Amino acid sequence: MSGLTFREATLPNGLRVIAEINPEAKSTALGYFVRTGSRDELAGEEGVSHFLEHMVFKGTERRSAWDVNREFDEMGAKYNAFTNEELTVFYGAVLPEFAPRLLDLLSDLMRPALREDEFETERKVILEEIALYRDRPHFVLYERAQEAYFRRHPLAKPVLGTTESIEAMTRTQMAAYHARRYVPNNMTLAFAGNLDWDEMLALAERMTRGWSQGPAPRNHPGFTPEPRRLRTPYDKASQAYAVVMAPGHAAAAEERYAARVLADVLGDPDNGRLFWRLVDPGLAETAMAYHHEFEELGVYLVYVQGDPAHEEEVSERIREELVRLEKGGVDSEELERAKLKTATSLVFAGETSLSRLFYLGLGYSYTGRYEALDTVRRWVMHLEPYHLGELLEARPFSRALEYWLVPADHG
């Protein structure tokens, strides 16, 4: 896309401000990307990152929860937030003339009041959310598989926390976590779309002037996966669900896009190798693979769902395909299909200001640099089979964890 300009600055308080400016865009998106998530929680804080995300929208010293909702509505904003293992993100998109007002609102929300009555109300919401997810076997599967794969590594911690940790959580704990992690030098403010850079930078400096810096370290312990197969009966499961996890590449690694292409060759939901080995012959309803990046490491994931009667055959065929891919590599035809799909997804990621915000903010949070979508797309299209062969040599699938969640009567 022509006419795009990237700008970046660091405010005196350490807040990084970045923008991809498109004067032709019809909207402006902006968001705070906070480098904190479940991996940064101390013992007894499990789930506080996600709980705090909810509390942010419950008001500040200047605004009540009702004021917050009203202002978003008055701007016609599309807004939300999400929490994962490593980031908590608050974002919104508006017409360009409302961008200064949206910045004021989101900046104010970064310093929530954490009122006691709202805290207790939201605790109940979080507990209900945890209970709801316990009725979803695929969510339980991912959580248990991630815990088994990462074991004592901080990435093993559940994002939602546990019923016990949320019931025991105090407002004091949350306030201490907020003070420790929501420091400006641990945050990135990102803009995408139609905006005046000088105006927004000056407003950001004024609105965050009172924010104090502080240490926000992150633990990076060593990690070596342990190849094994685990199987758990679950009373809420009516089908068999499986996840295979194998070492991948980190979020800042040059190999990460090639890893995504490789995962697509293996597990494109409609045309990947696993589709033809498992779904087409009726052994599974769903079979897919993807590559997920974290700060210092990555993971290939295979997900399969189907009739528990086919569990053993499905497991054997997955292992066969992993060995075939590892030893035989990728042919040119399937590589071209996977490259084109990955490149197309990058184009789709650039179609709106909000989607460009996510690409910009997430990428910069991990790499500290700007990568233009068009540049990445061209790089993907130049991949050759030997590039993927090098990935397989560096990260063999033989170090995989296989985790099954099956109906209780198939235990």
Protein backbone atom coordinates (compact mmCIF):
# COMPACT_ATOMS: atom_id res chain seq x y z
CA MET A 1 0.00 0.00 0.00
CA SER A 2 1.54 3.30 -1.11
CA GLY A 3 1.63 6.40 1.03
CA LEU A 4 2.28 4.64 4.33
CA THR A 5 4.64 6.31 6.81
CA PHE A 6 6.08 4.75 9.95
CA ARG A 7 6.97 6.94 12.93
CA GLU A 8 8.30 6.07 16.38
CA ALA A 9 9.37 7.90 19.52
CA THR A 10 10.10 7.18 23.17
CA LEU A 11 8.61 9.58 25.70
CA PRO A 12 10.61 10.77 28.73
CA ASN A 13 8.77 8.27 30.94
CA GLY A 14 9.87 5.36 28.72
CA LEU A 15 6.59 4.82 26.86
CA ARG A 16 7.22 3.73 23.28
CA VAL A 17 4.90 5.38 20.75
CA ILE A 18 4.65 4.04 17.20
CA ALA A 19 2.41 4.78 14.23
CA GLU A 20 1.78 3.56 10.71
CA ILE A 21 0.15 6.56 9.06
CA ASN A 22 -2.12 6.30 6.03
CA PRO A 23 -3.62 9.66 5.00
CA GLU A 24 -6.11 7.84 2.76
CA ALA A 25 -7.55 5.71 5.56
CA LYS A 26 -11.12 6.39 6.67
CA SER A 27 -10.49 5.45 10.30
CA THR A 28 -7.93 5.61 13.09
CA ALA A 29 -7.06 2.72 15.38
CA LEU A 30 -4.95 2.94 18.51
CA GLY A 31 -4.12 0.77 21.46
CA TYR A 32 -1.94 0.14 24.47
CA PHE A 33 0.12 -3.06 24.24
CA VAL A 34 1.22 -3.95 27.77
CA ARG A 35 4.04 -6.47 28.02
CA THR A 36 2.43 -8.54 30.73
CA GLY A 37 0.39 -11.71 30.91
CA SER A 38 -0.05 -14.96 32.78
CA ARG A 39 3.66 -15.82 32.56
CA ASP A 40 4.47 -12.73 34.65
CA GLU A 41 2.19 -13.62 37.56
CA LEU A 42 3.68 -14.58 40.90
CA ALA A 43 2.52 -17.52 42.99
CA GLY A 44 -0.97 -16.71 44.27
CA GLU A 45 -1.62 -14.24 41.43
CA GLU A 46 -2.76 -16.78 38.83
CA GLY A 47 -5.36 -15.12 36.61
CA VAL A 48 -4.72 -11.55 37.80
CA SER A 49 -3.70 -10.32 34.31
CA HIS A 50 -7.04 -11.32 32.79
CA PHE A 51 -8.99 -10.21 35.87
CA LEU A 52 -7.30 -6.79 35.68
CA GLU A 53 -8.18 -6.51 32.00
CA HIS A 54 -11.84 -6.71 33.03
CA MET A 55 -11.38 -4.21 35.85
CA VAL A 56 -9.80 -1.61 33.56
CA PHE A 57 -13.21 -0.97 31.98
CA LYS A 58 -14.89 -0.54 35.38
CA GLY A 59 -13.81 3.05 35.82
CA THR A 60 -11.03 5.42 36.84
CA GLU A 61 -10.74 8.33 39.25
CA ARG A 62 -12.21 10.56 36.50
CA ARG A 63 -14.80 8.18 35.06
CA SER A 64 -17.32 5.66 36.34
CA ALA A 65 -17.96 2.41 34.49
CA TRP A 66 -21.09 4.03 33.05
CA ASP A 67 -19.02 7.01 31.83
CA VAL A 68 -16.57 4.69 30.10
CA ASN A 69 -19.28 2.83 28.20
CA ARG A 70 -21.07 6.07 27.32
CA GLU A 71 -17.94 7.70 25.90
CA PHE A 72 -17.09 4.73 23.73
CA ASP A 73 -20.65 4.77 22.39
CA GLU A 74 -20.62 8.52 21.78
CA MET A 75 -17.56 8.08 19.56
CA GLY A 76 -19.07 5.12 17.71
CA ALA A 77 -15.93 3.23 18.69
CA LYS A 78 -15.17 -0.39 18.00
CA TYR A 79 -13.19 -1.39 21.07
CA ASN A 80 -12.16 -4.33 23.23
CA ALA A 81 -9.23 -5.92 25.03
CA PHE A 82 -7.56 -9.29 25.36
CA THR A 83 -5.04 -11.05 27.56
CA ASN A 84 -2.72 -13.92 26.76
CA GLU A 85 0.43 -15.41 28.23
CA GLU A 86 2.65 -12.43 27.38
CA LEU A 87 0.55 -9.39 26.48
CA THR A 88 -2.53 -7.47 27.58
CA VAL A 89 -3.93 -5.24 24.84
CA PHE A 90 -6.54 -2.47 24.99
CA TYR A 91 -7.64 -1.04 21.66
CA GLY A 92 -10.21 0.95 19.76
CA ALA A 93 -10.99 2.26 16.28
CA VAL A 94 -12.90 5.44 15.44
CA LEU A 95 -13.38 8.03 12.75
CA PRO A 96 -10.22 10.20 12.59
CA GLU A 97 -11.84 13.22 14.23
CA PHE A 98 -12.44 11.19 17.42
CA ALA A 99 -8.85 9.90 17.73
CA PRO A 100 -7.77 12.50 20.36
CA ARG A 101 -10.80 11.68 22.50
CA LEU A 102 -10.20 7.94 22.18
CA LEU A 103 -6.57 8.44 23.21
CA ASP A 104 -7.68 10.36 26.29
CA LEU A 105 -10.12 7.63 27.27
CA LEU A 106 -7.75 4.70 26.76
CA SER A 107 -4.93 6.53 28.53
CA ASP A 108 -7.17 7.20 31.52
CA LEU A 109 -8.20 3.53 31.59
CA MET A 110 -4.58 2.50 32.00
CA ARG A 111 -4.86 3.88 35.54
CA PRO A 112 -8.06 2.17 36.80
CA ALA A 113 -9.65 2.92 40.16
CA LEU A 114 -10.14 -0.79 41.07
CA ARG A 115 -13.18 -0.02 43.20
CA GLU A 116 -13.96 -2.71 45.75
CA ASP A 117 -17.62 -3.17 44.77
CA GLU A 118 -16.71 -3.54 41.08
CA PHE A 119 -13.92 -5.93 42.06
CA GLU A 120 -16.35 -8.28 43.80
CA THR A 121 -18.86 -8.10 40.94
CA GLU A 122 -16.20 -8.88 38.36
CA ARG A 123 -14.80 -11.72 40.45
CA LYS A 124 -18.14 -13.49 39.96
CA VAL A 125 -17.96 -12.87 36.20
CA ILE A 126 -14.48 -14.41 36.01
CA LEU A 127 -15.55 -17.45 38.05
CA GLU A 128 -18.50 -17.94 35.71
CA GLU A 129 -16.14 -17.67 32.73
CA ILE A 130 -13.86 -20.34 34.18
CA ALA A 131 -16.85 -22.63 34.80
CA LEU A 132 -18.09 -22.03 31.25
CA TYR A 133 -14.77 -23.03 29.74
CA ARG A 134 -14.74 -26.23 31.78
CA ASP A 135 -17.72 -27.28 29.65
CA ARG A 136 -15.64 -26.85 26.48
CA PRO A 137 -13.35 -29.86 26.05
CA HIS A 138 -11.12 -28.23 23.44
CA PHE A 139 -10.31 -25.40 25.86
CA VAL A 140 -9.56 -27.87 28.65
CA LEU A 141 -7.37 -29.80 26.24
CA TYR A 142 -5.28 -26.79 25.25
CA GLU A 143 -4.84 -25.69 28.85
CA ARG A 144 -3.77 -29.13 30.07
CA ALA A 145 -1.53 -29.78 27.07
CA GLN A 146 0.21 -26.44 27.51
CA GLU A 147 0.74 -27.15 31.20
CA ALA A 148 2.14 -30.60 30.40
CA TYR A 149 4.38 -29.33 27.60
CA PHE A 150 5.88 -26.36 29.45
CA ARG A 151 5.81 -27.99 32.91
CA ARG A 152 7.73 -25.65 35.25
CA HIS A 153 8.18 -22.90 32.66
CA PRO A 154 6.06 -19.74 33.25
CA LEU A 155 4.21 -20.36 29.96
CA ALA A 156 2.51 -23.32 31.64
CA LYS A 157 0.33 -20.97 33.72
CA PRO A 158 -3.38 -20.73 32.72
CA VAL A 159 -4.45 -17.30 31.48
CA LEU A 160 -7.79 -17.42 33.33
CA GLY A 161 -6.22 -18.65 36.53
CA THR A 162 -8.08 -21.22 38.60
CA THR A 163 -11.26 -21.15 40.63
CA GLU A 164 -9.15 -21.23 43.77
CA SER A 165 -6.80 -18.41 42.74
CA ILE A 166 -9.64 -16.10 41.67
CA GLU A 167 -11.66 -16.80 44.83
CA ALA A 168 -8.61 -15.92 46.93
CA MET A 169 -7.58 -12.84 44.90
CA THR A 170 -7.63 -9.49 46.72
CA ARG A 171 -7.83 -5.97 45.42
CA THR A 172 -4.50 -5.27 47.13
CA GLN A 173 -2.85 -8.03 45.12
CA MET A 174 -4.27 -6.65 41.89
CA ALA A 175 -3.17 -3.10 42.71
CA ALA A 176 0.35 -4.33 43.43
CA TYR A 177 0.45 -6.26 40.16
CA HIS A 178 -0.78 -3.20 38.26
CA ALA A 179 1.86 -0.98 39.88
CA ARG A 180 4.55 -3.53 39.05
CA ARG A 181 3.65 -4.30 35.43
CA TYR A 182 1.74 -1.29 34.01
CA VAL A 183 4.76 1.00 34.01
CA PRO A 184 5.25 3.10 30.84
CA ASN A 185 8.59 1.54 29.97
CA ASN A 186 6.77 -1.82 29.79
CA MET A 187 4.12 -0.54 27.36
CA THR A 188 3.78 0.43 23.70
CA LEU A 189 1.19 2.89 22.41
CA ALA A 190 0.43 2.15 18.77
CA PHE A 191 -1.55 4.02 16.10
CA ALA A 192 -2.64 2.97 12.63
CA GLY A 193 -4.62 4.79 9.97
CA ASN A 194 -5.38 8.45 9.38
CA LEU A 195 -3.80 10.63 12.08
CA ASP A 196 -1.67 13.68 12.78
CA TRP A 197 1.53 12.25 14.28
CA ASP A 198 2.75 15.43 15.95
CA GLU A 199 -0.64 16.09 17.53
CA MET A 200 -1.07 12.53 18.83
CA LEU A 201 2.49 12.36 20.15
CA ALA A 202 2.06 15.63 22.03
CA LEU A 203 -1.26 14.44 23.48
CA ALA A 204 0.26 11.12 24.53
CA GLU A 205 3.10 12.90 26.30
CA ARG A 206 0.67 15.16 28.17
CA MET A 207 -1.76 12.36 29.09
CA THR A 208 0.93 10.03 30.44
CA ARG A 209 3.22 12.63 32.02
CA GLY A 210 2.42 11.49 35.55
CA TRP A 211 3.24 7.84 34.88
CA SER A 212 6.40 6.68 36.66
CA GLN A 213 8.92 4.22 35.29
CA GLY A 214 9.80 1.06 37.15
CA PRO A 215 11.50 -2.29 36.66
CA ALA A 216 9.32 -4.87 34.91
CA PRO A 217 11.58 -7.91 34.51
CA ARG A 218 10.47 -11.12 32.86
CA ASN A 219 11.83 -14.52 33.76
CA HIS A 220 13.30 -16.52 30.84
CA PRO A 221 14.22 -19.92 32.29
CA GLY A 222 15.75 -22.60 30.11
CA PHE A 223 13.33 -25.05 28.53
CA THR A 224 13.72 -28.48 26.97
CA PRO A 225 10.54 -30.30 25.85
CA GLU A 226 9.98 -33.88 26.95
CA PRO A 227 8.58 -36.14 24.19
CA ARG A 228 5.68 -38.22 25.54
CA ARG A 229 2.06 -39.24 25.01
CA LEU A 230 -0.59 -38.40 27.61
CA ARG A 231 -4.25 -39.37 27.75
CA THR A 232 -6.98 -38.05 30.07
CA PRO A 233 -10.64 -39.17 30.31
CA TYR A 234 -12.97 -36.17 30.70
CA ASP A 235 -16.63 -36.37 31.65
CA LYS A 236 -17.63 -33.37 29.49
CA ALA A 237 -16.08 -34.84 26.33
CA SER A 238 -18.30 -36.62 23.81
CA GLN A 239 -15.53 -36.89 21.19
CA ALA A 240 -11.79 -37.46 21.23
CA TYR A 241 -9.61 -34.35 21.13
CA ALA A 242 -5.85 -34.28 20.61
CA VAL A 243 -3.07 -31.72 20.56
CA VAL A 244 0.48 -32.36 19.42
CA MET A 245 3.05 -29.73 20.44
CA ALA A 246 6.61 -29.54 19.09
CA PRO A 247 9.39 -26.93 19.35
CA GLY A 248 9.11 -23.98 16.98
CA HIS A 249 10.60 -20.52 16.55
CA ALA A 250 10.39 -17.39 18.67
CA ALA A 251 8.35 -14.28 17.87
CA ALA A 252 11.40 -12.27 16.82
CA ALA A 253 13.07 -15.10 14.86
CA GLU A 254 13.51 -14.63 11.12
CA GLU A 255 12.23 -18.18 10.63
CA ARG A 256 8.78 -17.53 12.08
CA TYR A 257 7.02 -16.86 8.75
CA ALA A 258 8.60 -19.90 7.15
CA ALA A 259 7.42 -21.89 10.19
CA ARG A 260 3.86 -20.69 9.56
CA VAL A 261 4.12 -21.83 5.95
CA LEU A 262 5.42 -25.22 7.06
CA ALA A 263 2.54 -25.59 9.51
CA ASP A 264 0.10 -24.78 6.72
CA VAL A 265 1.57 -27.52 4.52
CA LEU A 266 1.00 -29.98 7.34
CA GLY A 267 -2.32 -28.75 8.66
CA ASP A 268 -4.27 -26.45 6.38
CA PRO A 269 -7.85 -27.26 7.51
CA ASP A 270 -9.06 -27.85 3.94
CA ASN A 271 -6.05 -29.06 2.00
CA GLY A 272 -3.14 -29.91 4.31
CA ARG A 273 -1.51 -33.29 4.59
CA LEU A 274 -3.43 -34.11 7.77
CA PHE A 275 -6.73 -33.27 6.06
CA TRP A 276 -6.13 -35.92 3.41
CA ARG A 277 -4.88 -38.51 5.90
CA LEU A 278 -7.51 -37.95 8.59
CA VAL A 279 -10.54 -35.89 7.55
CA ASP A 280 -11.04 -37.05 3.97
CA PRO A 281 -11.16 -40.78 4.89
CA GLY A 282 -13.53 -40.03 7.80
CA LEU A 283 -11.16 -40.71 10.69
CA ALA A 284 -11.49 -37.19 12.11
CA GLU A 285 -13.87 -34.26 11.81
CA THR A 286 -11.14 -31.64 12.12
CA ALA A 287 -7.38 -31.72 11.60
CA MET A 288 -5.25 -28.59 11.50
CA ALA A 289 -1.82 -27.29 12.39
CA TYR A 290 -0.36 -23.87 13.06
CA HIS A 291 2.72 -22.22 14.50
CA HIS A 292 2.50 -20.02 17.60
CA GLU A 293 5.30 -17.69 18.69
CA PHE A 294 6.22 -16.61 22.20
CA GLU A 295 8.95 -14.22 23.28
CA GLU A 296 11.87 -16.64 23.51
CA LEU A 297 10.46 -19.77 21.85
CA GLY A 298 7.76 -21.04 19.54
CA VAL A 299 5.51 -24.08 19.22
CA TYR A 300 4.05 -26.08 16.36
CA LEU A 301 0.56 -27.26 17.27
CA VAL A 302 -1.56 -29.95 15.67
CA TYR A 303 -5.22 -30.14 16.66
CA VAL A 304 -7.49 -33.09 15.87
CA GLN A 305 -11.10 -33.82 16.84
CA GLY A 306 -13.21 -36.85 16.01
CA ASP A 307 -14.74 -40.19 16.93
CA PRO A 308 -12.91 -41.79 19.89
CA ALA A 309 -13.16 -45.16 18.14
CA HIS A 310 -10.43 -43.98 15.74
CA GLU A 311 -8.05 -42.67 18.41
CA GLU A 312 -5.23 -45.16 17.88
CA GLU A 313 -5.29 -44.99 14.09
CA VAL A 314 -5.43 -41.19 14.13
CA SER A 315 -2.51 -41.07 16.55
CA GLU A 316 -0.47 -43.40 14.34
CA ARG A 317 -1.23 -41.43 11.18
CA ILE A 318 -0.25 -38.13 12.82
CA ARG A 319 3.10 -39.60 13.80
CA GLU A 320 3.57 -40.97 10.29
CA GLU A 321 2.94 -37.57 8.74
CA LEU A 322 5.34 -35.85 11.12
CA VAL A 323 8.07 -38.36 10.22
CA ARG A 324 7.30 -38.08 6.50
CA LEU A 325 7.52 -34.30 6.64
CA GLU A 326 10.70 -34.38 8.72
CA LYS A 327 12.46 -36.86 6.45
CA GLY A 328 10.98 -36.04 3.07
CA GLY A 329 10.51 -32.30 3.29
CA VAL A 330 8.06 -30.27 1.21
CA ASP A 331 7.52 -30.43 -2.54
CA SER A 332 7.31 -27.31 -4.70
CA GLU A 333 3.60 -27.58 -5.48
CA GLU A 334 2.36 -27.75 -1.89
CA LEU A 335 4.86 -25.07 -0.88
CA GLU A 336 3.46 -22.68 -3.49
CA ARG A 337 -0.08 -23.24 -2.20
CA ALA A 338 0.97 -22.64 1.41
CA LYS A 339 3.02 -19.56 0.49
CA LEU A 340 0.10 -18.03 -1.38
CA LYS A 341 -2.27 -18.67 1.52
CA THR A 342 0.15 -17.08 4.01
CA ALA A 343 0.74 -14.11 1.72
CA THR A 344 -3.01 -13.68 1.24
CA SER A 345 -3.55 -13.65 5.02
CA LEU A 346 -0.97 -10.88 5.26
CA VAL A 347 -2.87 -8.87 2.67
CA PHE A 348 -6.09 -9.36 4.64
CA ALA A 349 -4.24 -8.16 7.76
CA GLY A 350 -3.72 -4.84 6.03
CA GLU A 351 -7.25 -4.12 4.88
CA THR A 352 -8.44 -2.06 7.87
CA SER A 353 -6.80 0.32 10.32
CA LEU A 354 -7.68 -2.01 13.19
CA SER A 355 -6.12 -5.08 11.59
CA ARG A 356 -3.00 -3.06 10.77
CA LEU A 357 -2.89 -1.92 14.41
CA PHE A 358 -2.72 -5.51 15.61
CA TYR A 359 -0.01 -6.40 13.11
CA LEU A 360 1.96 -3.29 14.03
CA GLY A 361 1.55 -3.39 17.80
CA LEU A 362 2.02 -7.12 18.29
CA GLY A 363 5.02 -7.27 16.00
CA TYR A 364 6.73 -4.26 17.55
CA SER A 365 6.06 -5.50 21.08
CA TYR A 366 8.08 -8.62 20.30
CA THR A 367 10.73 -7.42 17.86
CA GLY A 368 11.15 -3.71 18.65
CA ARG A 369 11.15 -2.93 14.95
CA TYR A 370 8.74 -2.17 12.11
CA GLU A 371 8.23 -4.69 9.32
CA ALA A 372 6.10 -3.48 6.42
CA LEU A 373 3.44 -5.99 5.40
CA ASP A 374 4.42 -5.79 1.73
CA THR A 375 8.04 -6.58 2.59
CA VAL A 376 7.05 -9.64 4.62
CA ARG A 377 4.69 -10.81 1.87
CA ARG A 378 7.46 -10.63 -0.74
CA TRP A 379 9.82 -12.50 1.59
CA VAL A 380 7.25 -15.28 2.08
CA MET A 381 6.75 -15.65 -1.67
CA HIS A 382 10.51 -16.16 -2.15
CA LEU A 383 10.67 -19.18 0.17
CA GLU A 384 12.07 -22.38 -1.35
CA PRO A 385 11.74 -26.02 -0.19
CA TYR A 386 15.25 -25.99 1.27
CA HIS A 387 14.28 -23.15 3.64
CA LEU A 388 11.64 -25.40 5.22
CA GLY A 389 14.09 -28.28 5.26
CA GLU A 390 16.42 -26.17 7.37
CA LEU A 391 13.58 -25.52 9.82
CA LEU A 392 12.94 -29.24 10.20
CA GLU A 393 16.62 -29.93 10.86
CA ALA A 394 16.72 -27.25 13.56
CA ARG A 395 13.39 -28.21 15.23
CA PRO A 396 12.60 -31.91 14.68
CA PHE A 397 9.05 -33.06 15.35
CA SER A 398 10.45 -36.08 17.20
CA ARG A 399 10.53 -33.88 20.32
CA ALA A 400 6.72 -33.60 20.37
CA LEU A 401 4.20 -33.97 23.16
CA GLU A 402 0.94 -35.72 22.22
CA TYR A 403 -2.02 -35.10 24.54
CA TRP A 404 -5.46 -36.75 24.22
CA LEU A 405 -8.70 -35.80 25.97
CA VAL A 406 -11.29 -38.57 25.56
CA PRO A 407 -14.79 -39.34 26.83
CA ALA A 408 -14.88 -40.74 30.34
CA ASP A 409 -16.31 -44.07 29.11
CA HIS A 410 -13.25 -44.50 26.86
CA GLY A 411 -10.79 -44.23 29.75
